[in-house]
Amino acid sequence: MRNFSLLRLAFITILIMGILHFVAGAFYLYWTLGWFDYLMHFLGGLGGGLVIAWFVSDKNISTSQTFLIVFCSVMFVGVAWEIFEKVNNIAQSTEGYVLDTIHDLLMDALGSLVAGYVGVKKLNK
């Protein structure tokens, strides 16, 4: 049976992310707070990772496989998002773009690792 507490936690995380994004757009937080984008990437990795952990929760897979599936899934979406930003000129500036992309992907990865950890802990209760 699936652990719905993971899905609830994912929903709350994504809801908080949505509220923060709305507030950030209204108050220009992406442009005035340099760290805000990193927070959003972390929350995106965490929320997405929790959803993936929930999807694999009823499968008979090991802890390391759970971590790997969560990590790879989140990183796939993170890389796809960065390509989308580049192709559609959503990136805020061209100078420092590579460093910003690396930071974004690192925060996606960190969020996915936290999600994998939380997911494994909740599944092993």
PDB file of N, CA and C in Angstrom:
ATOM      1  N   MET A   1       0.840  -1.189   0.000  1.00  0.00           N
ATOM      2  CA  MET A   1       0.000   0.000   0.000  1.00  0.00           C
ATOM      3  C   MET A   1       0.881   1.245   0.000  1.00  0.00           C
ATOM      4  N   ARG A   2       0.486   2.216  -0.757  1.00  0.00           N
ATOM      5  CA  ARG A   2       1.265   3.450  -0.854  1.00  0.00           C
ATOM      6  C   ARG A   2       1.143   4.290   0.403  1.00  0.00           C
ATOM      7  N   ASN A   3       2.215   5.008   0.696  1.00  0.00           N
ATOM      8  CA  ASN A   3       2.281   5.878   1.855  1.00  0.00           C
ATOM      9  C   ASN A   3       1.790   7.267   1.450  1.00  0.00           C
ATOM     10  N   PHE A   4       0.546   7.584   1.792  1.00  0.00           N
ATOM     11  CA  PHE A   4      -0.033   8.849   1.359  1.00  0.00           C
ATOM     12  C   PHE A   4       0.529  10.051   2.112  1.00  0.00           C
ATOM     13  N   SER A   5       1.246   9.814   3.212  1.00  0.00           N
ATOM     14  CA  SER A   5       1.881  10.942   3.894  1.00  0.00           C
ATOM     15  C   SER A   5       2.955  11.572   2.998  1.00  0.00           C
ATOM     16  N   LEU A   6       3.593  10.766   2.148  1.00  0.00           N
ATOM     17  CA  LEU A   6       4.558  11.308   1.188  1.00  0.00           C
ATOM     18  C   LEU A   6       3.868  12.216   0.176  1.00  0.00           C
ATOM     19  N   LEU A   7       2.716  11.790  -0.296  1.00  0.00           N
ATOM     20  CA  LEU A   7       1.982  12.589  -1.274  1.00  0.00           C
ATOM     21  C   LEU A   7       1.483  13.888  -0.643  1.00  0.00           C
ATOM     22  N   ARG A   8       1.020  13.817   0.602  1.00  0.00           N
ATOM     23  CA  ARG A   8       0.596  15.037   1.313  1.00  0.00           C
ATOM     24  C   ARG A   8       1.766  16.001   1.481  1.00  0.00           C
ATOM     25  N   LEU A   9       2.906  15.474   1.872  1.00  0.00           N
ATOM     26  CA  LEU A   9       4.091  16.310   2.050  1.00  0.00           C
ATOM     27  C   LEU A   9       4.520  16.932   0.723  1.00  0.00           C
ATOM     28  N   ALA A  10       4.438  16.163  -0.353  1.00  0.00           N
ATOM     29  CA  ALA A  10       4.764  16.692  -1.684  1.00  0.00           C
ATOM     30  C   ALA A  10       3.794  17.805  -2.056  1.00  0.00           C
ATOM     31  N   PHE A  11       2.510  17.593  -1.814  1.00  0.00           N
ATOM     32  CA  PHE A  11       1.498  18.603  -2.131  1.00  0.00           C
ATOM     33  C   PHE A  11       1.754  19.887  -1.354  1.00  0.00           C
ATOM     34  N   ILE A  12       2.052  19.772  -0.071  1.00  0.00           N
ATOM     35  CA  ILE A  12       2.327  20.957   0.754  1.00  0.00           C
ATOM     36  C   ILE A  12       3.566  21.688   0.246  1.00  0.00           C
ATOM     37  N   THR A  13       4.607  20.942  -0.091  1.00  0.00           N
ATOM     38  CA  THR A  13       5.841  21.537  -0.613  1.00  0.00           C
ATOM     39  C   THR A  13       5.576  22.285  -1.914  1.00  0.00           C
ATOM     40  N   ILE A  14       4.838  21.668  -2.826  1.00  0.00           N
ATOM     41  CA  ILE A  14       4.552  22.298  -4.110  1.00  0.00           C
ATOM     42  C   ILE A  14       3.614  23.490  -3.931  1.00  0.00           C
ATOM     43  N   LEU A  15       2.684  23.402  -2.986  1.00  0.00           N
ATOM     44  CA  LEU A  15       1.805  24.532  -2.693  1.00  0.00           C
ATOM     45  C   LEU A  15       2.610  25.725  -2.162  1.00  0.00           C
ATOM     46  N   ILE A  16       3.524  25.466  -1.244  1.00  0.00           N
ATOM     47  CA  ILE A  16       4.391  26.532  -0.716  1.00  0.00           C
ATOM     48  C   ILE A  16       5.214  27.135  -1.843  1.00  0.00           C
ATOM     49  N   MET A  17       5.724  26.286  -2.715  1.00  0.00           N
ATOM     50  CA  MET A  17       6.500  26.764  -3.856  1.00  0.00           C
ATOM     51  C   MET A  17       5.642  27.662  -4.757  1.00  0.00           C
ATOM     52  N   GLY A  18       4.412  27.267  -5.006  1.00  0.00           N
ATOM     53  CA  GLY A  18       3.509  28.068  -5.823  1.00  0.00           C
ATOM     54  C   GLY A  18       3.201  29.420  -5.196  1.00  0.00           C
ATOM     55  N   ILE A  19       2.961  29.429  -3.908  1.00  0.00           N
ATOM     56  CA  ILE A  19       2.690  30.691  -3.198  1.00  0.00           C
ATOM     57  C   ILE A  19       3.918  31.587  -3.249  1.00  0.00           C
ATOM     58  N   LEU A  20       5.089  31.020  -2.975  1.00  0.00           N
ATOM     59  CA  LEU A  20       6.326  31.810  -3.031  1.00  0.00           C
ATOM     60  C   LEU A  20       6.575  32.366  -4.433  1.00  0.00           C
ATOM     61  N   HIS A  21       6.277  31.574  -5.454  1.00  0.00           N
ATOM     62  CA  HIS A  21       6.465  32.044  -6.831  1.00  0.00           C
ATOM     63  C   HIS A  21       5.530  33.220  -7.132  1.00  0.00           C
ATOM     64  N   PHE A  22       4.287  33.129  -6.684  1.00  0.00           N
ATOM     65  CA  PHE A  22       3.334  34.213  -6.881  1.00  0.00           C
ATOM     66  C   PHE A  22       3.810  35.486  -6.180  1.00  0.00           C
ATOM     67  N   VAL A  23       4.243  35.352  -4.924  1.00  0.00           N
ATOM     68  CA  VAL A  23       4.753  36.497  -4.162  1.00  0.00           C
ATOM     69  C   VAL A  23       6.018  37.051  -4.814  1.00  0.00           C
ATOM     70  N   ALA A  24       6.884  36.168  -5.271  1.00  0.00           N
ATOM     71  CA  ALA A  24       8.140  36.592  -5.906  1.00  0.00           C
ATOM     72  C   ALA A  24       7.871  37.387  -7.173  1.00  0.00           C
ATOM     73  N   GLY A  25       6.884  36.982  -7.941  1.00  0.00           N
ATOM     74  CA  GLY A  25       6.538  37.726  -9.148  1.00  0.00           C
ATOM     75  C   GLY A  25       5.998  39.110  -8.827  1.00  0.00           C
ATOM     76  N   ALA A  26       5.202  39.193  -7.786  1.00  0.00           N
ATOM     77  CA  ALA A  26       4.604  40.473  -7.404  1.00  0.00           C
ATOM     78  C   ALA A  26       5.629  41.444  -6.827  1.00  0.00           C
ATOM     79  N   PHE A  27       6.620  40.916  -6.116  1.00  0.00           N
ATOM     80  CA  PHE A  27       7.594  41.775  -5.436  1.00  0.00           C
ATOM     81  C   PHE A  27       9.000  41.684  -6.038  1.00  0.00           C
ATOM     82  N   TYR A  28       9.129  41.104  -7.224  1.00  0.00           N
ATOM     83  CA  TYR A  28      10.407  41.039  -7.960  1.00  0.00           C
ATOM     84  C   TYR A  28      11.519  40.351  -7.155  1.00  0.00           C
ATOM     85  N   LEU A  29      11.140  39.336  -6.396  1.00  0.00           N
ATOM     86  CA  LEU A  29      12.121  38.674  -5.524  1.00  0.00           C
ATOM     87  C   LEU A  29      13.183  37.907  -6.304  1.00  0.00           C
ATOM     88  N   TYR A  30      12.846  37.432  -7.492  1.00  0.00           N
ATOM     89  CA  TYR A  30      13.848  36.725  -8.290  1.00  0.00           C
ATOM     90  C   TYR A  30      14.988  37.665  -8.694  1.00  0.00           C
ATOM     91  N   TRP A  31      14.678  38.943  -8.828  1.00  0.00           N
ATOM     92  CA  TRP A  31      15.677  39.916  -9.283  1.00  0.00           C
ATOM     93  C   TRP A  31      16.337  40.665  -8.130  1.00  0.00           C
ATOM     94  N   THR A  32      15.666  40.742  -6.982  1.00  0.00           N
ATOM     95  CA  THR A  32      16.236  41.498  -5.858  1.00  0.00           C
ATOM     96  C   THR A  32      16.931  40.617  -4.827  1.00  0.00           C
ATOM     97  N   LEU A  33      16.552  39.360  -4.746  1.00  0.00           N
ATOM     98  CA  LEU A  33      17.192  38.425  -3.813  1.00  0.00           C
ATOM     99  C   LEU A  33      17.898  37.344  -4.626  1.00  0.00           C
ATOM    100  N   GLY A  34      19.195  37.385  -4.661  1.00  0.00           N
ATOM    101  CA  GLY A  34      19.961  36.461  -5.488  1.00  0.00           C
ATOM    102  C   GLY A  34      19.763  35.005  -5.130  1.00  0.00           C
ATOM    103  N   TRP A  35      19.458  34.722  -3.883  1.00  0.00           N
ATOM    104  CA  TRP A  35      19.320  33.353  -3.425  1.00  0.00           C
ATOM    105  C   TRP A  35      17.927  32.789  -3.633  1.00  0.00           C
ATOM    106  N   PHE A  36      16.968  33.613  -3.995  1.00  0.00           N
ATOM    107  CA  PHE A  36      15.573  33.161  -4.060  1.00  0.00           C
ATOM    108  C   PHE A  36      15.371  32.069  -5.115  1.00  0.00           C
ATOM    109  N   ASP A  37      16.018  32.209  -6.262  1.00  0.00           N
ATOM    110  CA  ASP A  37      15.914  31.209  -7.318  1.00  0.00           C
ATOM    111  C   ASP A  37      16.452  29.861  -6.843  1.00  0.00           C
ATOM    112  N   TYR A  38      17.494  29.881  -6.035  1.00  0.00           N
ATOM    113  CA  TYR A  38      18.059  28.638  -5.506  1.00  0.00           C
ATOM    114  C   TYR A  38      17.064  27.958  -4.566  1.00  0.00           C
ATOM    115  N   LEU A  39      16.387  28.754  -3.740  1.00  0.00           N
ATOM    116  CA  LEU A  39      15.357  28.211  -2.852  1.00  0.00           C
ATOM    117  C   LEU A  39      14.261  27.528  -3.665  1.00  0.00           C
ATOM    118  N   MET A  40      13.850  28.175  -4.744  1.00  0.00           N
ATOM    119  CA  MET A  40      12.785  27.616  -5.569  1.00  0.00           C
ATOM    120  C   MET A  40      13.229  26.314  -6.249  1.00  0.00           C
ATOM    121  N   HIS A  41      14.473  26.262  -6.681  1.00  0.00           N
ATOM    122  CA  HIS A  41      14.979  25.019  -7.287  1.00  0.00           C
ATOM    123  C   HIS A  41      15.072  23.911  -6.242  1.00  0.00           C
ATOM    124  N   PHE A  42      15.471  24.246  -5.034  1.00  0.00           N
ATOM    125  CA  PHE A  42      15.508  23.255  -3.957  1.00  0.00           C
ATOM    126  C   PHE A  42      14.109  22.718  -3.689  1.00  0.00           C
ATOM    127  N   LEU A  43      13.142  23.629  -3.546  1.00  0.00           N
ATOM    128  CA  LEU A  43      11.764  23.201  -3.286  1.00  0.00           C
ATOM    129  C   LEU A  43      11.197  22.392  -4.451  1.00  0.00           C
ATOM    130  N   GLY A  44      11.547  22.769  -5.672  1.00  0.00           N
ATOM    131  CA  GLY A  44      11.108  22.000  -6.836  1.00  0.00           C
ATOM    132  C   GLY A  44      11.671  20.592  -6.820  1.00  0.00           C
ATOM    133  N   GLY A  45      12.967  20.471  -6.508  1.00  0.00           N
ATOM    134  CA  GLY A  45      13.587  19.148  -6.406  1.00  0.00           C
ATOM    135  C   GLY A  45      12.982  18.333  -5.282  1.00  0.00           C
ATOM    136  N   LEU A  46      12.694  18.998  -4.161  1.00  0.00           N
ATOM    137  CA  LEU A  46      12.099  18.316  -3.020  1.00  0.00           C
ATOM    138  C   LEU A  46      10.681  17.853  -3.337  1.00  0.00           C
ATOM    139  N   GLY A  47       9.848  18.758  -3.838  1.00  0.00           N
ATOM    140  CA  GLY A  47       8.460  18.401  -4.148  1.00  0.00           C
ATOM    141  C   GLY A  47       8.366  17.336  -5.222  1.00  0.00           C
ATOM    142  N   GLY A  48       9.117  17.530  -6.302  1.00  0.00           N
ATOM    143  CA  GLY A  48       9.108  16.535  -7.373  1.00  0.00           C
ATOM    144  C   GLY A  48       9.656  15.199  -6.910  1.00  0.00           C
ATOM    145  N   GLY A  49      10.712  15.248  -6.110  1.00  0.00           N
ATOM    146  CA  GLY A  49      11.303  14.021  -5.587  1.00  0.00           C
ATOM    147  C   GLY A  49      10.362  13.266  -4.669  1.00  0.00           C
ATOM    148  N   LEU A  50       9.589  14.000  -3.871  1.00  0.00           N
ATOM    149  CA  LEU A  50       8.618  13.341  -2.995  1.00  0.00           C
ATOM    150  C   LEU A  50       7.513  12.664  -3.804  1.00  0.00           C
ATOM    151  N   VAL A  51       7.096  13.304  -4.892  1.00  0.00           N
ATOM    152  CA  VAL A  51       6.097  12.675  -5.761  1.00  0.00           C
ATOM    153  C   VAL A  51       6.659  11.384  -6.356  1.00  0.00           C
ATOM    154  N   ILE A  52       7.898  11.436  -6.838  1.00  0.00           N
ATOM    155  CA  ILE A  52       8.523  10.230  -7.411  1.00  0.00           C
ATOM    156  C   ILE A  52       8.677   9.156  -6.338  1.00  0.00           C
ATOM    157  N   ALA A  53       9.095   9.552  -5.132  1.00  0.00           N
ATOM    158  CA  ALA A  53       9.227   8.578  -4.034  1.00  0.00           C
ATOM    159  C   ALA A  53       7.875   7.930  -3.741  1.00  0.00           C
ATOM    160  N   TRP A  54       6.810   8.708  -3.815  1.00  0.00           N
ATOM    161  CA  TRP A  54       5.477   8.153  -3.596  1.00  0.00           C
ATOM    162  C   TRP A  54       5.124   7.149  -4.698  1.00  0.00           C
ATOM    163  N   PHE A  55       5.448   7.496  -5.958  1.00  0.00           N
ATOM    164  CA  PHE A  55       5.152   6.591  -7.065  1.00  0.00           C
ATOM    165  C   PHE A  55       5.866   5.248  -6.909  1.00  0.00           C
ATOM    166  N   VAL A  56       7.083   5.252  -6.424  1.00  0.00           N
ATOM    167  CA  VAL A  56       7.828   3.995  -6.300  1.00  0.00           C
ATOM    168  C   VAL A  56       7.623   3.330  -4.939  1.00  0.00           C
ATOM    169  N   SER A  57       6.789   3.920  -4.080  1.00  0.00           N
ATOM    170  CA  SER A  57       6.651   3.414  -2.717  1.00  0.00           C
ATOM    171  C   SER A  57       6.029   2.024  -2.643  1.00  0.00           C
ATOM    172  N   ASP A  58       5.236   1.645  -3.624  1.00  0.00           N
ATOM    173  CA  ASP A  58       4.636   0.310  -3.565  1.00  0.00           C
ATOM    174  C   ASP A  58       5.425  -0.728  -4.363  1.00  0.00           C
ATOM    175  N   LYS A  59       6.574  -0.315  -4.873  1.00  0.00           N
ATOM    176  CA  LYS A  59       7.436  -1.242  -5.611  1.00  0.00           C
ATOM    177  C   LYS A  59       8.394  -1.919  -4.628  1.00  0.00           C
ATOM    178  N   ASN A  60       8.812  -3.091  -4.942  1.00  0.00           N
ATOM    179  CA  ASN A  60       9.751  -3.819  -4.088  1.00  0.00           C
ATOM    180  C   ASN A  60      11.175  -3.509  -4.559  1.00  0.00           C
ATOM    181  N   ILE A  61      11.663  -2.310  -4.209  1.00  0.00           N
ATOM    182  CA  ILE A  61      13.009  -1.902  -4.624  1.00  0.00           C
ATOM    183  C   ILE A  61      13.812  -1.494  -3.403  1.00  0.00           C
ATOM    184  N   SER A  62      15.111  -1.522  -3.558  1.00  0.00           N
ATOM    185  CA  SER A  62      16.005  -1.225  -2.436  1.00  0.00           C
ATOM    186  C   SER A  62      16.072   0.279  -2.176  1.00  0.00           C
ATOM    187  N   THR A  63      16.673   0.626  -1.050  1.00  0.00           N
ATOM    188  CA  THR A  63      16.873   2.023  -0.686  1.00  0.00           C
ATOM    189  C   THR A  63      17.724   2.740  -1.714  1.00  0.00           C
ATOM    190  N   SER A  64      18.797   2.108  -2.145  1.00  0.00           N
ATOM    191  CA  SER A  64      19.676   2.751  -3.128  1.00  0.00           C
ATOM    192  C   SER A  64      18.960   2.934  -4.460  1.00  0.00           C
ATOM    193  N   GLN A  65      18.113   1.992  -4.846  1.00  0.00           N
ATOM    194  CA  GLN A  65      17.348   2.145  -6.083  1.00  0.00           C
ATOM    195  C   GLN A  65      16.343   3.286  -5.968  1.00  0.00           C
ATOM    196  N   THR A  66      15.727   3.418  -4.805  1.00  0.00           N
ATOM    197  CA  THR A  66      14.792   4.528  -4.588  1.00  0.00           C
ATOM    198  C   THR A  66      15.516   5.850  -4.745  1.00  0.00           C
ATOM    199  N   PHE A  67      16.673   5.993  -4.080  1.00  0.00           N
ATOM    200  CA  PHE A  67      17.461   7.219  -4.200  1.00  0.00           C
ATOM    201  C   PHE A  67      17.822   7.496  -5.657  1.00  0.00           C
ATOM    202  N   LEU A  68      18.255   6.478  -6.361  1.00  0.00           N
ATOM    203  CA  LEU A  68      18.679   6.648  -7.749  1.00  0.00           C
ATOM    204  C   LEU A  68      17.515   7.067  -8.648  1.00  0.00           C
ATOM    205  N   ILE A  69      16.365   6.444  -8.477  1.00  0.00           N
ATOM    206  CA  ILE A  69      15.196   6.793  -9.292  1.00  0.00           C
ATOM    207  C   ILE A  69      14.755   8.225  -9.003  1.00  0.00           C
ATOM    208  N   VAL A  70      14.697   8.596  -7.725  1.00  0.00           N
ATOM    209  CA  VAL A  70      14.299   9.958  -7.355  1.00  0.00           C
ATOM    210  C   VAL A  70      15.299  10.962  -7.918  1.00  0.00           C
ATOM    211  N   PHE A  71      16.580  10.713  -7.716  1.00  0.00           N
ATOM    212  CA  PHE A  71      17.615  11.638  -8.172  1.00  0.00           C
ATOM    213  C   PHE A  71      17.584  11.807  -9.695  1.00  0.00           C
ATOM    214  N   CYS A  72      17.580  10.704 -10.414  1.00  0.00           N
ATOM    215  CA  CYS A  72      17.607  10.777 -11.888  1.00  0.00           C
ATOM    216  C   CYS A  72      16.350  11.445 -12.443  1.00  0.00           C
ATOM    217  N   SER A  73      15.205  11.161 -11.859  1.00  0.00           N
ATOM    218  CA  SER A  73      13.960  11.777 -12.324  1.00  0.00           C
ATOM    219  C   SER A  73      13.975  13.287 -12.125  1.00  0.00           C
ATOM    220  N   VAL A  74      14.391  13.717 -10.947  1.00  0.00           N
ATOM    221  CA  VAL A  74      14.437  15.156 -10.658  1.00  0.00           C
ATOM    222  C   VAL A  74      15.477  15.839 -11.543  1.00  0.00           C
ATOM    223  N   MET A  75      16.615  15.223 -11.721  1.00  0.00           N
ATOM    224  CA  MET A  75      17.651  15.840 -12.552  1.00  0.00           C
ATOM    225  C   MET A  75      17.223  15.915 -14.022  1.00  0.00           C
ATOM    226  N   PHE A  76      16.487  14.920 -14.489  1.00  0.00           N
ATOM    227  CA  PHE A  76      15.972  14.968 -15.852  1.00  0.00           C
ATOM    228  C   PHE A  76      15.069  16.190 -16.030  1.00  0.00           C
ATOM    229  N   VAL A  77      14.160  16.388 -15.087  1.00  0.00           N
ATOM    230  CA  VAL A  77      13.261  17.552 -15.154  1.00  0.00           C
ATOM    231  C   VAL A  77      14.056  18.841 -15.009  1.00  0.00           C
ATOM    232  N   GLY A  78      15.043  18.879 -14.115  1.00  0.00           N
ATOM    233  CA  GLY A  78      15.865  20.077 -13.922  1.00  0.00           C
ATOM    234  C   GLY A  78      16.630  20.466 -15.172  1.00  0.00           C
ATOM    235  N   VAL A  79      17.241  19.491 -15.832  1.00  0.00           N
ATOM    236  CA  VAL A  79      17.978  19.768 -17.068  1.00  0.00           C
ATOM    237  C   VAL A  79      17.012  20.216 -18.161  1.00  0.00           C
ATOM    238  N   ALA A  80      15.859  19.549 -18.253  1.00  0.00           N
ATOM    239  CA  ALA A  80      14.856  19.942 -19.250  1.00  0.00           C
ATOM    240  C   ALA A  80      14.400  21.387 -19.012  1.00  0.00           C
ATOM    241  N   TRP A  81      14.223  21.757 -17.733  1.00  0.00           N
ATOM    242  CA  TRP A  81      13.826  23.132 -17.411  1.00  0.00           C
ATOM    243  C   TRP A  81      14.905  24.130 -17.827  1.00  0.00           C
ATOM    244  N   GLU A  82      16.142  23.822 -17.565  1.00  0.00           N
ATOM    245  CA  GLU A  82      17.228  24.731 -17.932  1.00  0.00           C
ATOM    246  C   GLU A  82      17.322  24.883 -19.453  1.00  0.00           C
ATOM    247  N   ILE A  83      17.104  23.805 -20.188  1.00  0.00           N
ATOM    248  CA  ILE A  83      17.079  23.891 -21.654  1.00  0.00           C
ATOM    249  C   ILE A  83      15.899  24.748 -22.102  1.00  0.00           C
ATOM    250  N   PHE A  84      14.748  24.552 -21.487  1.00  0.00           N
ATOM    251  CA  PHE A  84      13.564  25.359 -21.791  1.00  0.00           C
ATOM    252  C   PHE A  84      13.843  26.845 -21.556  1.00  0.00           C
ATOM    253  N   GLU A  85      14.477  27.166 -20.419  1.00  0.00           N
ATOM    254  CA  GLU A  85      14.828  28.564 -20.126  1.00  0.00           C
ATOM    255  C   GLU A  85      15.746  29.141 -21.198  1.00  0.00           C
ATOM    256  N   LYS A  86      16.734  28.383 -21.601  1.00  0.00           N
ATOM    257  CA  LYS A  86      17.708  28.860 -22.589  1.00  0.00           C
ATOM    258  C   LYS A  86      17.054  29.058 -23.961  1.00  0.00           C
ATOM    259  N   VAL A  87      16.299  28.072 -24.391  1.00  0.00           N
ATOM    260  CA  VAL A  87      15.673  28.132 -25.714  1.00  0.00           C
ATOM    261  C   VAL A  87      14.676  29.286 -25.805  1.00  0.00           C
ATOM    262  N   ASN A  88      13.955  29.559 -24.731  1.00  0.00           N
ATOM    263  CA  ASN A  88      12.923  30.593 -24.735  1.00  0.00           C
ATOM    264  C   ASN A  88      13.394  31.930 -24.167  1.00  0.00           C
ATOM    265  N   ASN A  89      14.707  32.072 -23.967  1.00  0.00           N
ATOM    266  CA  ASN A  89      15.300  33.315 -23.452  1.00  0.00           C
ATOM    267  C   ASN A  89      14.655  33.777 -22.151  1.00  0.00           C
ATOM    268  N   ILE A  90      14.383  32.836 -21.265  1.00  0.00           N
ATOM    269  CA  ILE A  90      13.817  33.168 -19.961  1.00  0.00           C
ATOM    270  C   ILE A  90      14.920  33.512 -18.970  1.00  0.00           C
ATOM    271  N   ALA A  91      16.125  33.054 -19.252  1.00  0.00           N
ATOM    272  CA  ALA A  91      17.263  33.327 -18.355  1.00  0.00           C
ATOM    273  C   ALA A  91      17.404  34.829 -18.164  1.00  0.00           C
ATOM    274  N   GLN A  92      17.704  35.232 -16.932  1.00  0.00           N
ATOM    275  CA  GLN A  92      17.719  36.646 -16.589  1.00  0.00           C
ATOM    276  C   GLN A  92      18.839  37.422 -17.263  1.00  0.00           C
ATOM    277  N   SER A  93      19.990  36.835 -17.414  1.00  0.00           N
ATOM    278  CA  SER A  93      21.083  37.511 -18.102  1.00  0.00           C
ATOM    279  C   SER A  93      22.004  36.469 -18.714  1.00  0.00           C
ATOM    280  N   THR A  94      22.741  36.876 -19.721  1.00  0.00           N
ATOM    281  CA  THR A  94      23.651  35.929 -20.362  1.00  0.00           C
ATOM    282  C   THR A  94      24.974  35.829 -19.607  1.00  0.00           C
ATOM    283  N   GLU A  95      25.366  36.897 -18.930  1.00  0.00           N
ATOM    284  CA  GLU A  95      26.611  36.816 -18.159  1.00  0.00           C
ATOM    285  C   GLU A  95      26.335  36.039 -16.873  1.00  0.00           C
ATOM    286  N   GLY A  96      27.173  35.105 -16.609  1.00  0.00           N
ATOM    287  CA  GLY A  96      26.993  34.257 -15.441  1.00  0.00           C
ATOM    288  C   GLY A  96      25.952  33.169 -15.635  1.00  0.00           C
ATOM    289  N   TYR A  97      25.523  32.958 -16.875  1.00  0.00           N
ATOM    290  CA  TYR A  97      24.469  31.975 -17.139  1.00  0.00           C
ATOM    291  C   TYR A  97      24.906  30.561 -16.769  1.00  0.00           C
ATOM    292  N   VAL A  98      26.122  30.205 -17.126  1.00  0.00           N
ATOM    293  CA  VAL A  98      26.602  28.845 -16.853  1.00  0.00           C
ATOM    294  C   VAL A  98      26.675  28.606 -15.348  1.00  0.00           C
ATOM    295  N   LEU A  99      27.204  29.560 -14.615  1.00  0.00           N
ATOM    296  CA  LEU A  99      27.293  29.420 -13.160  1.00  0.00           C
ATOM    297  C   LEU A  99      25.902  29.341 -12.532  1.00  0.00           C
ATOM    298  N   ASP A 100      24.976  30.145 -13.019  1.00  0.00           N
ATOM    299  CA  ASP A 100      23.605  30.115 -12.511  1.00  0.00           C
ATOM    300  C   ASP A 100      22.967  28.753 -12.784  1.00  0.00           C
ATOM    301  N   THR A 101      23.194  28.219 -13.969  1.00  0.00           N
ATOM    302  CA  THR A 101      22.645  26.910 -14.323  1.00  0.00           C
ATOM    303  C   THR A 101      23.219  25.824 -13.424  1.00  0.00           C
ATOM    304  N   ILE A 102      24.514  25.890 -13.152  1.00  0.00           N
ATOM    305  CA  ILE A 102      25.144  24.910 -12.256  1.00  0.00           C
ATOM    306  C   ILE A 102      24.541  25.006 -10.862  1.00  0.00           C
ATOM    307  N   HIS A 103      24.373  26.227 -10.359  1.00  0.00           N
ATOM    308  CA  HIS A 103      23.748  26.409  -9.040  1.00  0.00           C
ATOM    309  C   HIS A 103      22.326  25.850  -9.026  1.00  0.00           C
ATOM    310  N   ASP A 104      21.570  26.145 -10.076  1.00  0.00           N
ATOM    311  CA  ASP A 104      20.189  25.650 -10.144  1.00  0.00           C
ATOM    312  C   ASP A 104      20.159  24.132 -10.101  1.00  0.00           C
ATOM    313  N   LEU A 105      21.015  23.492 -10.878  1.00  0.00           N
ATOM    314  CA  LEU A 105      21.028  22.031 -10.916  1.00  0.00           C
ATOM    315  C   LEU A 105      21.529  21.436  -9.601  1.00  0.00           C
ATOM    316  N   LEU A 106      22.457  22.106  -8.947  1.00  0.00           N
ATOM    317  CA  LEU A 106      22.911  21.640  -7.629  1.00  0.00           C
ATOM    318  C   LEU A 106      21.779  21.705  -6.608  1.00  0.00           C
ATOM    319  N   MET A 107      20.983  22.761  -6.669  1.00  0.00           N
ATOM    320  CA  MET A 107      19.860  22.877  -5.738  1.00  0.00           C
ATOM    321  C   MET A 107      18.769  21.857  -6.064  1.00  0.00           C
ATOM    322  N   ASP A 108      18.544  21.594  -7.359  1.00  0.00           N
ATOM    323  CA  ASP A 108      17.625  20.521  -7.744  1.00  0.00           C
ATOM    324  C   ASP A 108      18.111  19.197  -7.158  1.00  0.00           C
ATOM    325  N   ALA A 109      19.414  18.934  -7.287  1.00  0.00           N
ATOM    326  CA  ALA A 109      20.002  17.694  -6.786  1.00  0.00           C
ATOM    327  C   ALA A 109      19.860  17.598  -5.269  1.00  0.00           C
ATOM    328  N   LEU A 110      20.142  18.688  -4.575  1.00  0.00           N
ATOM    329  CA  LEU A 110      20.014  18.681  -3.113  1.00  0.00           C
ATOM    330  C   LEU A 110      18.574  18.399  -2.698  1.00  0.00           C
ATOM    331  N   GLY A 111      17.634  19.047  -3.366  1.00  0.00           N
ATOM    332  CA  GLY A 111      16.218  18.781  -3.078  1.00  0.00           C
ATOM    333  C   GLY A 111      15.851  17.333  -3.316  1.00  0.00           C
ATOM    334  N   SER A 112      16.387  16.749  -4.389  1.00  0.00           N
ATOM    335  CA  SER A 112      16.076  15.349  -4.689  1.00  0.00           C
ATOM    336  C   SER A 112      16.677  14.408  -3.641  1.00  0.00           C
ATOM    337  N   LEU A 113      17.862  14.736  -3.159  1.00  0.00           N
ATOM    338  CA  LEU A 113      18.491  13.897  -2.138  1.00  0.00           C
ATOM    339  C   LEU A 113      17.721  13.955  -0.826  1.00  0.00           C
ATOM    340  N   VAL A 114      17.259  15.147  -0.454  1.00  0.00           N
ATOM    341  CA  VAL A 114      16.436  15.278   0.755  1.00  0.00           C
ATOM    342  C   VAL A 114      15.131  14.506   0.569  1.00  0.00           C
ATOM    343  N   ALA A 115      14.533  14.614  -0.618  1.00  0.00           N
ATOM    344  CA  ALA A 115      13.292  13.882  -0.895  1.00  0.00           C
ATOM    345  C   ALA A 115      13.528  12.375  -0.818  1.00  0.00           C
ATOM    346  N   GLY A 116      14.634  11.912  -1.370  1.00  0.00           N
ATOM    347  CA  GLY A 116      14.951  10.490  -1.292  1.00  0.00           C
ATOM    348  C   GLY A 116      15.114  10.035   0.140  1.00  0.00           C
ATOM    349  N   TYR A 117      15.798  10.840   0.946  1.00  0.00           N
ATOM    350  CA  TYR A 117      16.000  10.509   2.359  1.00  0.00           C
ATOM    351  C   TYR A 117      14.666  10.451   3.102  1.00  0.00           C
ATOM    352  N   VAL A 118      13.858  11.491   2.921  1.00  0.00           N
ATOM    353  CA  VAL A 118      12.537  11.535   3.591  1.00  0.00           C
ATOM    354  C   VAL A 118      11.675  10.379   3.111  1.00  0.00           C
ATOM    355  N   GLY A 119      11.705  10.124   1.823  1.00  0.00           N
ATOM    356  CA  GLY A 119      10.912   9.038   1.271  1.00  0.00           C
ATOM    357  C   GLY A 119      11.307   7.689   1.851  1.00  0.00           C
ATOM    358  N   VAL A 120      12.584   7.425   1.910  1.00  0.00           N
ATOM    359  CA  VAL A 120      13.065   6.148   2.456  1.00  0.00           C
ATOM    360  C   VAL A 120      12.707   6.034   3.940  1.00  0.00           C
ATOM    361  N   LYS A 121      12.881   7.122   4.695  1.00  0.00           N
ATOM    362  CA  LYS A 121      12.540   7.096   6.130  1.00  0.00           C
ATOM    363  C   LYS A 121      11.059   6.814   6.343  1.00  0.00           C
ATOM    364  N   LYS A 122      10.201   7.459   5.553  1.00  0.00           N
ATOM    365  CA  LYS A 122       8.759   7.248   5.703  1.00  0.00           C
ATOM    366  C   LYS A 122       8.348   5.850   5.273  1.00  0.00           C
ATOM    367  N   LEU A 123       9.007   5.313   4.253  1.00  0.00           N
ATOM    368  CA  LEU A 123       8.665   3.983   3.762  1.00  0.00           C
ATOM    369  C   LEU A 123       9.131   2.895   4.719  1.00  0.00           C
ATOM    370  N   ASN A 124      10.189   3.157   5.476  1.00  0.00           N
ATOM    371  CA  ASN A 124      10.732   2.145   6.380  1.00  0.00           C
ATOM    372  C   ASN A 124      10.116   2.186   7.772  1.00  0.00           C
ATOM    373  N   LYS A 125       9.086   2.997   7.971  1.00  0.00           N
ATOM    374  CA  LYS A 125       8.428   3.061   9.291  1.00  0.00           C
ATOM    375  C   LYS A 125       7.577   1.853   9.512  1.00  0.00           C
TER     376      LYS A 125
END
